[in-house]
Amino acid sequence: KVFGNYFDLIVLDAPCSGEGMFRKDPAAIQYWHEAYPVECA
């Protein structure tokens, strides 16, 4: 509402299922289920 057509560059490191962080954060495995990626999408 404030920044309409304003930014030259937008970076979105989006909230996601976090599969790539399983090694660093094994607790993330507990949140994962088969439908989780679709929900995140």
PDB file of all heavy atoms in Angstrom:
ATOM      1  N   LYS A   1       0.823  -1.212   0.000  1.00  0.00           N
ATOM      2  CA  LYS A   1       0.000   0.000   0.000  1.00  0.00           C
ATOM      3  C   LYS A   1       0.857   1.263   0.000  1.00  0.00           C
ATOM      4  O   LYS A   1       0.430   2.324  -0.451  1.00  0.00           O
ATOM      5  CB  LYS A   1      -0.921   0.005   1.225  1.00  0.00           C
ATOM      6  CG  LYS A   1      -1.981  -1.088   1.205  1.00  0.00           C
ATOM      7  CD  LYS A   1      -2.758  -1.109   2.521  1.00  0.00           C
ATOM      8  CE  LYS A   1      -3.759  -2.266   2.549  1.00  0.00           C
ATOM      9  NZ  LYS A   1      -4.428  -2.358   3.874  1.00  0.00           N
ATOM     10  N   VAL A   2       2.080   1.153   0.491  1.00  0.00           N
ATOM     11  CA  VAL A   2       2.975   2.308   0.629  1.00  0.00           C
ATOM     12  C   VAL A   2       4.003   2.363  -0.495  1.00  0.00           C
ATOM     13  O   VAL A   2       4.356   3.448  -0.975  1.00  0.00           O
ATOM     14  CB  VAL A   2       3.682   2.273   2.008  1.00  0.00           C
ATOM     15  CG1 VAL A   2       4.722   3.380   2.114  1.00  0.00           C
ATOM     16  CG2 VAL A   2       2.660   2.390   3.131  1.00  0.00           C
ATOM     17  N   PHE A   3       4.480   1.198  -0.945  1.00  0.00           N
ATOM     18  CA  PHE A   3       5.596   1.146  -1.893  1.00  0.00           C
ATOM     19  C   PHE A   3       5.170   0.648  -3.273  1.00  0.00           C
ATOM     20  O   PHE A   3       5.841  -0.173  -3.892  1.00  0.00           O
ATOM     21  CB  PHE A   3       6.699   0.236  -1.341  1.00  0.00           C
ATOM     22  CG  PHE A   3       7.405   0.770  -0.129  1.00  0.00           C
ATOM     23  CD1 PHE A   3       7.128   0.260   1.125  1.00  0.00           C
ATOM     24  CD2 PHE A   3       8.338   1.790  -0.246  1.00  0.00           C
ATOM     25  CE1 PHE A   3       7.784   0.743   2.257  1.00  0.00           C
ATOM     26  CE2 PHE A   3       8.989   2.286   0.872  1.00  0.00           C
ATOM     27  CZ  PHE A   3       8.713   1.758   2.128  1.00  0.00           C
ATOM     28  N   GLY A   4       4.069   1.143  -3.790  1.00  0.00           N
ATOM     29  CA  GLY A   4       3.604   0.720  -5.102  1.00  0.00           C
ATOM     30  C   GLY A   4       4.587   1.065  -6.215  1.00  0.00           C
ATOM     31  O   GLY A   4       5.008   2.219  -6.347  1.00  0.00           O
ATOM     32  N   ASN A   5       4.988   0.051  -7.009  1.00  0.00           N
ATOM     33  CA  ASN A   5       5.887   0.235  -8.163  1.00  0.00           C
ATOM     34  C   ASN A   5       7.151   1.018  -7.794  1.00  0.00           C
ATOM     35  O   ASN A   5       7.626   1.869  -8.542  1.00  0.00           O
ATOM     36  CB  ASN A   5       5.159   0.961  -9.301  1.00  0.00           C
ATOM     37  CG  ASN A   5       3.912   0.228  -9.749  1.00  0.00           C
ATOM     38  OD1 ASN A   5       3.957  -0.938 -10.100  1.00  0.00           O
ATOM     39  ND2 ASN A   5       2.777   0.914  -9.690  1.00  0.00           N
ATOM     40  N   TYR A   6       7.720   0.722  -6.657  1.00  0.00           N
ATOM     41  CA  TYR A   6       8.781   1.545  -6.086  1.00  0.00           C
ATOM     42  C   TYR A   6      10.181   0.954  -6.227  1.00  0.00           C
ATOM     43  O   TYR A   6      11.145   1.667  -6.512  1.00  0.00           O
ATOM     44  CB  TYR A   6       8.473   1.775  -4.599  1.00  0.00           C
ATOM     45  CG  TYR A   6       9.467   2.628  -3.861  1.00  0.00           C
ATOM     46  CD1 TYR A   6       9.398   4.013  -3.922  1.00  0.00           C
ATOM     47  CD2 TYR A   6      10.461   2.054  -3.085  1.00  0.00           C
ATOM     48  CE1 TYR A   6      10.310   4.806  -3.234  1.00  0.00           C
ATOM     49  CE2 TYR A   6      11.370   2.837  -2.387  1.00  0.00           C
ATOM     50  CZ  TYR A   6      11.289   4.207  -2.459  1.00  0.00           C
ATOM     51  OH  TYR A   6      12.198   4.982  -1.767  1.00  0.00           O
ATOM     52  N   PHE A   7      10.344  -0.354  -6.052  1.00  0.00           N
ATOM     53  CA  PHE A   7      11.669  -0.947  -5.887  1.00  0.00           C
ATOM     54  C   PHE A   7      12.289  -1.393  -7.204  1.00  0.00           C
ATOM     55  O   PHE A   7      11.663  -2.054  -8.028  1.00  0.00           O
ATOM     56  CB  PHE A   7      11.598  -2.138  -4.924  1.00  0.00           C
ATOM     57  CG  PHE A   7      11.247  -1.748  -3.522  1.00  0.00           C
ATOM     58  CD1 PHE A   7       9.977  -1.988  -3.012  1.00  0.00           C
ATOM     59  CD2 PHE A   7      12.176  -1.124  -2.710  1.00  0.00           C
ATOM     60  CE1 PHE A   7       9.641  -1.615  -1.714  1.00  0.00           C
ATOM     61  CE2 PHE A   7      11.854  -0.748  -1.413  1.00  0.00           C
ATOM     62  CZ  PHE A   7      10.593  -0.996  -0.914  1.00  0.00           C
ATOM     63  N   ASP A   8      13.576  -1.074  -7.368  1.00  0.00           N
ATOM     64  CA  ASP A   8      14.352  -1.536  -8.521  1.00  0.00           C
ATOM     65  C   ASP A   8      14.692  -3.020  -8.404  1.00  0.00           C
ATOM     66  O   ASP A   8      14.881  -3.703  -9.411  1.00  0.00           O
ATOM     67  CB  ASP A   8      15.666  -0.752  -8.632  1.00  0.00           C
ATOM     68  CG  ASP A   8      15.450   0.747  -8.677  1.00  0.00           C
ATOM     69  OD1 ASP A   8      14.641   1.195  -9.504  1.00  0.00           O
ATOM     70  OD2 ASP A   8      16.090   1.473  -7.880  1.00  0.00           O
ATOM     71  N   LEU A   9      14.790  -3.492  -7.172  1.00  0.00           N
ATOM     72  CA  LEU A   9      15.150  -4.878  -6.913  1.00  0.00           C
ATOM     73  C   LEU A   9      14.398  -5.355  -5.678  1.00  0.00           C
ATOM     74  O   LEU A   9      14.379  -4.672  -4.656  1.00  0.00           O
ATOM     75  CB  LEU A   9      16.661  -5.010  -6.688  1.00  0.00           C
ATOM     76  CG  LEU A   9      17.184  -6.361  -6.170  1.00  0.00           C
ATOM     77  CD1 LEU A   9      16.968  -7.456  -7.209  1.00  0.00           C
ATOM     78  CD2 LEU A   9      18.672  -6.260  -5.796  1.00  0.00           C
ATOM     79  N   ILE A  10      13.779  -6.531  -5.806  1.00  0.00           N
ATOM     80  CA  ILE A  10      13.132  -7.174  -4.660  1.00  0.00           C
ATOM     81  C   ILE A  10      13.743  -8.555  -4.487  1.00  0.00           C
ATOM     82  O   ILE A  10      13.848  -9.327  -5.439  1.00  0.00           O
ATOM     83  CB  ILE A  10      11.604  -7.293  -4.849  1.00  0.00           C
ATOM     84  CG1 ILE A  10      10.972  -5.899  -4.924  1.00  0.00           C
ATOM     85  CG2 ILE A  10      10.976  -8.099  -3.713  1.00  0.00           C
ATOM     86  CD1 ILE A  10       9.478  -5.916  -5.204  1.00  0.00           C
ATOM     87  N   VAL A  11      14.166  -8.845  -3.267  1.00  0.00           N
ATOM     88  CA  VAL A  11      14.674 -10.166  -2.917  1.00  0.00           C
ATOM     89  C   VAL A  11      13.680 -10.807  -1.956  1.00  0.00           C
ATOM     90  O   VAL A  11      13.364 -10.247  -0.908  1.00  0.00           O
ATOM     91  CB  VAL A  11      16.070 -10.089  -2.267  1.00  0.00           C
ATOM     92  CG1 VAL A  11      16.516 -11.476  -1.783  1.00  0.00           C
ATOM     93  CG2 VAL A  11      17.093  -9.526  -3.253  1.00  0.00           C
ATOM     94  N   LEU A  12      13.172 -11.972  -2.340  1.00  0.00           N
ATOM     95  CA  LEU A  12      12.281 -12.734  -1.467  1.00  0.00           C
ATOM     96  C   LEU A  12      12.902 -14.103  -1.219  1.00  0.00           C
ATOM     97  O   LEU A  12      12.864 -14.980  -2.084  1.00  0.00           O
ATOM     98  CB  LEU A  12      10.894 -12.886  -2.086  1.00  0.00           C
ATOM     99  CG  LEU A  12       9.943 -13.825  -1.308  1.00  0.00           C
ATOM    100  CD1 LEU A  12       9.722 -13.342   0.120  1.00  0.00           C
ATOM    101  CD2 LEU A  12       8.627 -14.001  -2.044  1.00  0.00           C
ATOM    102  N   ASP A  13      13.505 -14.257  -0.059  1.00  0.00           N
ATOM    103  CA  ASP A  13      13.935 -15.571   0.414  1.00  0.00           C
ATOM    104  C   ASP A  13      12.744 -16.115   1.189  1.00  0.00           C
ATOM    105  O   ASP A  13      12.588 -15.856   2.374  1.00  0.00           O
ATOM    106  CB  ASP A  13      15.182 -15.441   1.283  1.00  0.00           C
ATOM    107  CG  ASP A  13      15.776 -16.790   1.634  1.00  0.00           C
ATOM    108  OD1 ASP A  13      15.834 -17.664   0.764  1.00  0.00           O
ATOM    109  OD2 ASP A  13      16.178 -16.981   2.797  1.00  0.00           O
ATOM    110  N   ALA A  14      11.905 -16.863   0.490  1.00  0.00           N
ATOM    111  CA  ALA A  14      10.549 -17.129   0.954  1.00  0.00           C
ATOM    112  C   ALA A  14      10.493 -18.144   2.098  1.00  0.00           C
ATOM    113  O   ALA A  14      11.323 -19.072   2.160  1.00  0.00           O
ATOM    114  CB  ALA A  14       9.704 -17.634  -0.218  1.00  0.00           C
ATOM    115  N   PRO A  15       9.516 -18.002   3.002  1.00  0.00           N
ATOM    116  CA  PRO A  15       9.248 -19.068   3.969  1.00  0.00           C
ATOM    117  C   PRO A  15       8.964 -20.358   3.212  1.00  0.00           C
ATOM    118  O   PRO A  15       8.235 -20.359   2.224  1.00  0.00           O
ATOM    119  CB  PRO A  15       7.989 -18.563   4.700  1.00  0.00           C
ATOM    120  CG  PRO A  15       7.895 -17.104   4.381  1.00  0.00           C
ATOM    121  CD  PRO A  15       8.550 -16.896   3.067  1.00  0.00           C
ATOM    122  N   CYS A  16       9.570 -21.459   3.653  1.00  0.00           N
ATOM    123  CA  CYS A  16       9.482 -22.691   2.869  1.00  0.00           C
ATOM    124  C   CYS A  16       9.530 -23.911   3.780  1.00  0.00           C
ATOM    125  O   CYS A  16       9.608 -23.789   5.008  1.00  0.00           O
ATOM    126  CB  CYS A  16      10.613 -22.740   1.830  1.00  0.00           C
ATOM    127  SG  CYS A  16      12.262 -22.958   2.556  1.00  0.00           S
ATOM    128  N   SER A  17       9.526 -25.074   3.164  1.00  0.00           N
ATOM    129  CA  SER A  17       9.538 -26.331   3.920  1.00  0.00           C
ATOM    130  C   SER A  17      10.887 -26.625   4.553  1.00  0.00           C
ATOM    131  O   SER A  17      10.993 -27.542   5.372  1.00  0.00           O
ATOM    132  CB  SER A  17       9.108 -27.491   3.019  1.00  0.00           C
ATOM    133  OG  SER A  17       9.955 -27.581   1.880  1.00  0.00           O
ATOM    134  N   GLY A  18      11.938 -25.897   4.182  1.00  0.00           N
ATOM    135  CA  GLY A  18      13.220 -25.962   4.874  1.00  0.00           C
ATOM    136  C   GLY A  18      14.015 -27.239   4.718  1.00  0.00           C
ATOM    137  O   GLY A  18      14.865 -27.561   5.553  1.00  0.00           O
ATOM    138  N   GLU A  19      13.785 -27.974   3.616  1.00  0.00           N
ATOM    139  CA  GLU A  19      14.502 -29.235   3.419  1.00  0.00           C
ATOM    140  C   GLU A  19      16.014 -29.038   3.389  1.00  0.00           C
ATOM    141  O   GLU A  19      16.775 -29.882   3.847  1.00  0.00           O
ATOM    142  CB  GLU A  19      14.037 -29.889   2.121  1.00  0.00           C
ATOM    143  CG  GLU A  19      12.565 -30.293   2.139  1.00  0.00           C
ATOM    144  CD  GLU A  19      12.060 -30.716   0.768  1.00  0.00           C
ATOM    145  OE1 GLU A  19      12.811 -30.586  -0.219  1.00  0.00           O
ATOM    146  OE2 GLU A  19      10.904 -31.169   0.677  1.00  0.00           O
ATOM    147  N   GLY A  20      16.441 -27.918   2.834  1.00  0.00           N
ATOM    148  CA  GLY A  20      17.869 -27.646   2.709  1.00  0.00           C
ATOM    149  C   GLY A  20      18.572 -27.349   4.010  1.00  0.00           C
ATOM    150  O   GLY A  20      19.802 -27.247   4.044  1.00  0.00           O
ATOM    151  N   MET A  21      17.806 -27.190   5.092  1.00  0.00           N
ATOM    152  CA  MET A  21      18.365 -26.899   6.403  1.00  0.00           C
ATOM    153  C   MET A  21      18.354 -28.100   7.335  1.00  0.00           C
ATOM    154  O   MET A  21      18.681 -27.966   8.513  1.00  0.00           O
ATOM    155  CB  MET A  21      17.586 -25.743   7.049  1.00  0.00           C
ATOM    156  CG  MET A  21      17.796 -24.390   6.374  1.00  0.00           C
ATOM    157  SD  MET A  21      19.488 -23.722   6.592  1.00  0.00           S
ATOM    158  CE  MET A  21      20.174 -24.037   4.958  1.00  0.00           C
ATOM    159  N   PHE A  22      17.979 -29.269   6.823  1.00  0.00           N
ATOM    160  CA  PHE A  22      17.884 -30.453   7.682  1.00  0.00           C
ATOM    161  C   PHE A  22      19.192 -30.753   8.410  1.00  0.00           C
ATOM    162  O   PHE A  22      19.188 -31.169   9.569  1.00  0.00           O
ATOM    163  CB  PHE A  22      17.461 -31.673   6.865  1.00  0.00           C
ATOM    164  CG  PHE A  22      15.985 -31.724   6.525  1.00  0.00           C
ATOM    165  CD1 PHE A  22      15.116 -30.725   6.916  1.00  0.00           C
ATOM    166  CD2 PHE A  22      15.458 -32.786   5.799  1.00  0.00           C
ATOM    167  CE1 PHE A  22      13.753 -30.770   6.590  1.00  0.00           C
ATOM    168  CE2 PHE A  22      14.108 -32.853   5.480  1.00  0.00           C
ATOM    169  CZ  PHE A  22      13.267 -31.844   5.874  1.00  0.00           C
ATOM    170  N   ARG A  23      20.333 -30.579   7.740  1.00  0.00           N
ATOM    171  CA  ARG A  23      21.620 -30.869   8.386  1.00  0.00           C
ATOM    172  C   ARG A  23      21.913 -29.881   9.508  1.00  0.00           C
ATOM    173  O   ARG A  23      22.409 -30.262  10.561  1.00  0.00           O
ATOM    174  CB  ARG A  23      22.766 -30.846   7.371  1.00  0.00           C
ATOM    175  CG  ARG A  23      22.779 -31.983   6.410  1.00  0.00           C
ATOM    176  CD  ARG A  23      24.107 -32.176   5.743  1.00  0.00           C
ATOM    177  NE  ARG A  23      24.692 -30.950   5.166  1.00  0.00           N
ATOM    178  CZ  ARG A  23      25.751 -30.965   4.370  1.00  0.00           C
ATOM    179  NH1 ARG A  23      26.323 -32.121   4.057  1.00  0.00           N
ATOM    180  NH2 ARG A  23      26.241 -29.830   3.869  1.00  0.00           N
ATOM    181  N   LYS A  24      21.653 -28.602   9.268  1.00  0.00           N
ATOM    182  CA  LYS A  24      21.950 -27.574  10.263  1.00  0.00           C
ATOM    183  C   LYS A  24      20.925 -27.558  11.386  1.00  0.00           C
ATOM    184  O   LYS A  24      21.230 -27.196  12.515  1.00  0.00           O
ATOM    185  CB  LYS A  24      22.013 -26.190   9.604  1.00  0.00           C
ATOM    186  CG  LYS A  24      23.241 -25.955   8.765  1.00  0.00           C
ATOM    187  CD  LYS A  24      23.343 -24.521   8.311  1.00  0.00           C
ATOM    188  CE  LYS A  24      23.762 -23.618   9.463  1.00  0.00           C
ATOM    189  NZ  LYS A  24      24.016 -22.228   9.015  1.00  0.00           N
ATOM    190  N   ASP A  25      19.689 -27.909  11.043  1.00  0.00           N
ATOM    191  CA  ASP A  25      18.604 -27.849  12.018  1.00  0.00           C
ATOM    192  C   ASP A  25      17.749 -29.110  11.898  1.00  0.00           C
ATOM    193  O   ASP A  25      16.682 -29.093  11.284  1.00  0.00           O
ATOM    194  CB  ASP A  25      17.763 -26.589  11.791  1.00  0.00           C
ATOM    195  CG  ASP A  25      16.654 -26.429  12.809  1.00  0.00           C
ATOM    196  OD1 ASP A  25      16.739 -27.076  13.878  1.00  0.00           O
ATOM    197  OD2 ASP A  25      15.701 -25.664  12.550  1.00  0.00           O
ATOM    198  N   PRO A  26      18.208 -30.209  12.483  1.00  0.00           N
ATOM    199  CA  PRO A  26      17.455 -31.468  12.385  1.00  0.00           C
ATOM    200  C   PRO A  26      16.020 -31.374  12.892  1.00  0.00           C
ATOM    201  O   PRO A  26      15.170 -32.164  12.474  1.00  0.00           O
ATOM    202  CB  PRO A  26      18.286 -32.438  13.247  1.00  0.00           C
ATOM    203  CG  PRO A  26      19.673 -31.863  13.237  1.00  0.00           C
ATOM    204  CD  PRO A  26      19.477 -30.381  13.210  1.00  0.00           C
ATOM    205  N   ALA A  27      15.742 -30.399  13.771  1.00  0.00           N
ATOM    206  CA  ALA A  27      14.378 -30.227  14.275  1.00  0.00           C
ATOM    207  C   ALA A  27      13.397 -29.902  13.153  1.00  0.00           C
ATOM    208  O   ALA A  27      12.192 -30.178  13.255  1.00  0.00           O
ATOM    209  CB  ALA A  27      14.342 -29.128  15.333  1.00  0.00           C
ATOM    210  N   ALA A  28      13.914 -29.314  12.043  1.00  0.00           N
ATOM    211  CA  ALA A  28      13.052 -28.967  10.908  1.00  0.00           C
ATOM    212  C   ALA A  28      12.418 -30.207  10.276  1.00  0.00           C
ATOM    213  O   ALA A  28      11.365 -30.115   9.630  1.00  0.00           O
ATOM    214  CB  ALA A  28      13.852 -28.190   9.858  1.00  0.00           C
ATOM    215  N   ILE A  29      13.048 -31.360  10.471  1.00  0.00           N
ATOM    216  CA  ILE A  29      12.519 -32.612   9.931  1.00  0.00           C
ATOM    217  C   ILE A  29      11.146 -32.913  10.535  1.00  0.00           C
ATOM    218  O   ILE A  29      10.265 -33.469   9.872  1.00  0.00           O
ATOM    219  CB  ILE A  29      13.497 -33.778  10.197  1.00  0.00           C
ATOM    220  CG1 ILE A  29      14.834 -33.505   9.488  1.00  0.00           C
ATOM    221  CG2 ILE A  29      12.917 -35.113   9.728  1.00  0.00           C
ATOM    222  CD1 ILE A  29      15.927 -34.504   9.842  1.00  0.00           C
ATOM    223  N   GLN A  30      10.971 -32.533  11.801  1.00  0.00           N
ATOM    224  CA  GLN A  30       9.724 -32.825  12.499  1.00  0.00           C
ATOM    225  C   GLN A  30       8.534 -32.087  11.894  1.00  0.00           C
ATOM    226  O   GLN A  30       7.385 -32.533  12.010  1.00  0.00           O
ATOM    227  CB  GLN A  30       9.851 -32.465  13.991  1.00  0.00           C
ATOM    228  CG  GLN A  30      11.045 -33.108  14.691  1.00  0.00           C
ATOM    229  CD  GLN A  30      11.076 -34.612  14.550  1.00  0.00           C
ATOM    230  OE1 GLN A  30      10.068 -35.285  14.732  1.00  0.00           O
ATOM    231  NE2 GLN A  30      12.240 -35.172  14.212  1.00  0.00           N
ATOM    232  N   TYR A  31       8.804 -30.930  11.258  1.00  0.00           N
ATOM    233  CA  TYR A  31       7.725 -30.149  10.662  1.00  0.00           C
ATOM    234  C   TYR A  31       7.344 -30.655   9.268  1.00  0.00           C
ATOM    235  O   TYR A  31       6.277 -30.327   8.761  1.00  0.00           O
ATOM    236  CB  TYR A  31       8.131 -28.672  10.552  1.00  0.00           C
ATOM    237  CG  TYR A  31       8.366 -28.007  11.890  1.00  0.00           C
ATOM    238  CD1 TYR A  31       9.660 -27.810  12.363  1.00  0.00           C
ATOM    239  CD2 TYR A  31       7.308 -27.577  12.671  1.00  0.00           C
ATOM    240  CE1 TYR A  31       9.888 -27.197  13.584  1.00  0.00           C
ATOM    241  CE2 TYR A  31       7.523 -26.962  13.898  1.00  0.00           C
ATOM    242  CZ  TYR A  31       8.818 -26.781  14.346  1.00  0.00           C
ATOM    243  OH  TYR A  31       9.047 -26.186  15.556  1.00  0.00           O
ATOM    244  N   TRP A  32       8.225 -31.439   8.672  1.00  0.00           N
ATOM    245  CA  TRP A  32       8.023 -31.855   7.287  1.00  0.00           C
ATOM    246  C   TRP A  32       6.996 -32.983   7.188  1.00  0.00           C
ATOM    247  O   TRP A  32       7.008 -33.942   7.958  1.00  0.00           O
ATOM    248  CB  TRP A  32       9.355 -32.327   6.693  1.00  0.00           C
ATOM    249  CG  TRP A  32       9.309 -32.482   5.185  1.00  0.00           C
ATOM    250  CD1 TRP A  32       9.653 -31.553   4.259  1.00  0.00           C
ATOM    251  CD2 TRP A  32       8.891 -33.637   4.450  1.00  0.00           C
ATOM    252  NE1 TRP A  32       9.486 -32.041   2.992  1.00  0.00           N
ATOM    253  CE2 TRP A  32       9.004 -33.330   3.076  1.00  0.00           C
ATOM    254  CE3 TRP A  32       8.420 -34.907   4.812  1.00  0.00           C
ATOM    255  CZ2 TRP A  32       8.675 -34.234   2.066  1.00  0.00           C
ATOM    256  CZ3 TRP A  32       8.072 -35.803   3.797  1.00  0.00           C
ATOM    257  CH2 TRP A  32       8.208 -35.459   2.452  1.00  0.00           C
ATOM    258  N   HIS A  33       6.085 -32.854   6.229  1.00  0.00           N
ATOM    259  CA  HIS A  33       5.206 -33.955   5.860  1.00  0.00           C
ATOM    260  C   HIS A  33       4.953 -33.863   4.364  1.00  0.00           C
ATOM    261  O   HIS A  33       5.298 -32.855   3.727  1.00  0.00           O
ATOM    262  CB  HIS A  33       3.888 -33.930   6.660  1.00  0.00           C
ATOM    263  CG  HIS A  33       3.146 -32.620   6.589  1.00  0.00           C
ATOM    264  ND1 HIS A  33       2.239 -32.334   5.600  1.00  0.00           N
ATOM    265  CD2 HIS A  33       3.203 -31.516   7.384  1.00  0.00           C
ATOM    266  CE1 HIS A  33       1.751 -31.118   5.792  1.00  0.00           C
ATOM    267  NE2 HIS A  33       2.314 -30.601   6.865  1.00  0.00           N
ATOM    268  N   GLU A  34       4.389 -34.868   3.779  1.00  0.00           N
ATOM    269  CA  GLU A  34       4.305 -34.982   2.333  1.00  0.00           C
ATOM    270  C   GLU A  34       3.601 -33.787   1.679  1.00  0.00           C
ATOM    271  O   GLU A  34       3.986 -33.338   0.601  1.00  0.00           O
ATOM    272  CB  GLU A  34       3.588 -36.278   1.952  1.00  0.00           C
ATOM    273  CG  GLU A  34       3.685 -36.612   0.476  1.00  0.00           C
ATOM    274  CD  GLU A  34       3.067 -37.965   0.148  1.00  0.00           C
ATOM    275  OE1 GLU A  34       2.448 -38.589   1.049  1.00  0.00           O
ATOM    276  OE2 GLU A  34       3.200 -38.410  -1.008  1.00  0.00           O
ATOM    277  N   ALA A  35       2.580 -33.257   2.350  1.00  0.00           N
ATOM    278  CA  ALA A  35       1.820 -32.144   1.778  1.00  0.00           C
ATOM    279  C   ALA A  35       2.407 -30.770   2.118  1.00  0.00           C
ATOM    280  O   ALA A  35       1.920 -29.749   1.619  1.00  0.00           O
ATOM    281  CB  ALA A  35       0.366 -32.211   2.256  1.00  0.00           C
ATOM    282  N   TYR A  36       3.450 -30.741   2.967  1.00  0.00           N
ATOM    283  CA  TYR A  36       3.983 -29.465   3.443  1.00  0.00           C
ATOM    284  C   TYR A  36       4.480 -28.559   2.305  1.00  0.00           C
ATOM    285  O   TYR A  36       4.177 -27.356   2.289  1.00  0.00           O
ATOM    286  CB  TYR A  36       5.088 -29.721   4.460  1.00  0.00           C
ATOM    287  CG  TYR A  36       5.502 -28.528   5.277  1.00  0.00           C
ATOM    288  CD1 TYR A  36       4.620 -27.490   5.563  1.00  0.00           C
ATOM    289  CD2 TYR A  36       6.799 -28.443   5.797  1.00  0.00           C
ATOM    290  CE1 TYR A  36       5.010 -26.397   6.332  1.00  0.00           C
ATOM    291  CE2 TYR A  36       7.203 -27.359   6.559  1.00  0.00           C
ATOM    292  CZ  TYR A  36       6.315 -26.341   6.808  1.00  0.00           C
ATOM    293  OH  TYR A  36       6.714 -25.263   7.570  1.00  0.00           O
ATOM    294  N   PRO A  37       5.235 -29.078   1.325  1.00  0.00           N
ATOM    295  CA  PRO A  37       5.684 -28.207   0.235  1.00  0.00           C
ATOM    296  C   PRO A  37       4.542 -27.529  -0.526  1.00  0.00           C
ATOM    297  O   PRO A  37       4.655 -26.356  -0.891  1.00  0.00           O
ATOM    298  CB  PRO A  37       6.468 -29.158  -0.677  1.00  0.00           C
ATOM    299  CG  PRO A  37       6.977 -30.217   0.245  1.00  0.00           C
ATOM    300  CD  PRO A  37       5.859 -30.426   1.224  1.00  0.00           C
ATOM    301  N   VAL A  38       3.453 -28.249  -0.761  1.00  0.00           N
ATOM    302  CA  VAL A  38       2.306 -27.658  -1.462  1.00  0.00           C
ATOM    303  C   VAL A  38       1.677 -26.549  -0.621  1.00  0.00           C
ATOM    304  O   VAL A  38       1.306 -25.488  -1.131  1.00  0.00           O
ATOM    305  CB  VAL A  38       1.260 -28.734  -1.814  1.00  0.00           C
ATOM    306  CG1 VAL A  38      -0.003 -28.095  -2.392  1.00  0.00           C
ATOM    307  CG2 VAL A  38       1.837 -29.726  -2.809  1.00  0.00           C
ATOM    308  N   GLU A  39       1.593 -26.788   0.685  1.00  0.00           N
ATOM    309  CA  GLU A  39       1.057 -25.766   1.588  1.00  0.00           C
ATOM    310  C   GLU A  39       1.938 -24.518   1.561  1.00  0.00           C
ATOM    311  O   GLU A  39       1.432 -23.390   1.521  1.00  0.00           O
ATOM    312  CB  GLU A  39       0.962 -26.320   3.012  1.00  0.00           C
ATOM    313  CG  GLU A  39      -0.055 -27.442   3.174  1.00  0.00           C
ATOM    314  CD  GLU A  39       0.038 -28.108   4.540  1.00  0.00           C
ATOM    315  OE1 GLU A  39       0.826 -27.627   5.396  1.00  0.00           O
ATOM    316  OE2 GLU A  39      -0.666 -29.116   4.756  1.00  0.00           O
ATOM    317  N   CYS A  40       3.249 -24.713   1.600  1.00  0.00           N
ATOM    318  CA  CYS A  40       4.182 -23.585   1.556  1.00  0.00           C
ATOM    319  C   CYS A  40       4.072 -22.827   0.234  1.00  0.00           C
ATOM    320  O   CYS A  40       4.151 -21.597   0.202  1.00  0.00           O
ATOM    321  CB  CYS A  40       5.616 -24.074   1.750  1.00  0.00           C
ATOM    322  SG  CYS A  40       5.981 -24.667   3.423  1.00  0.00           S
ATOM    323  N   ALA A  41       3.882 -23.558  -0.865  1.00  0.00           N
ATOM    324  CA  ALA A  41       3.787 -22.925  -2.187  1.00  0.00           C
ATOM    325  C   ALA A  41       2.615 -21.958  -2.271  1.00  0.00           C
ATOM    326  O   ALA A  41       2.714 -20.903  -2.916  1.00  0.00           O
ATOM    327  CB  ALA A  41       3.671 -24.000  -3.270  1.00  0.00           C
TER     328      ALA A  41
END
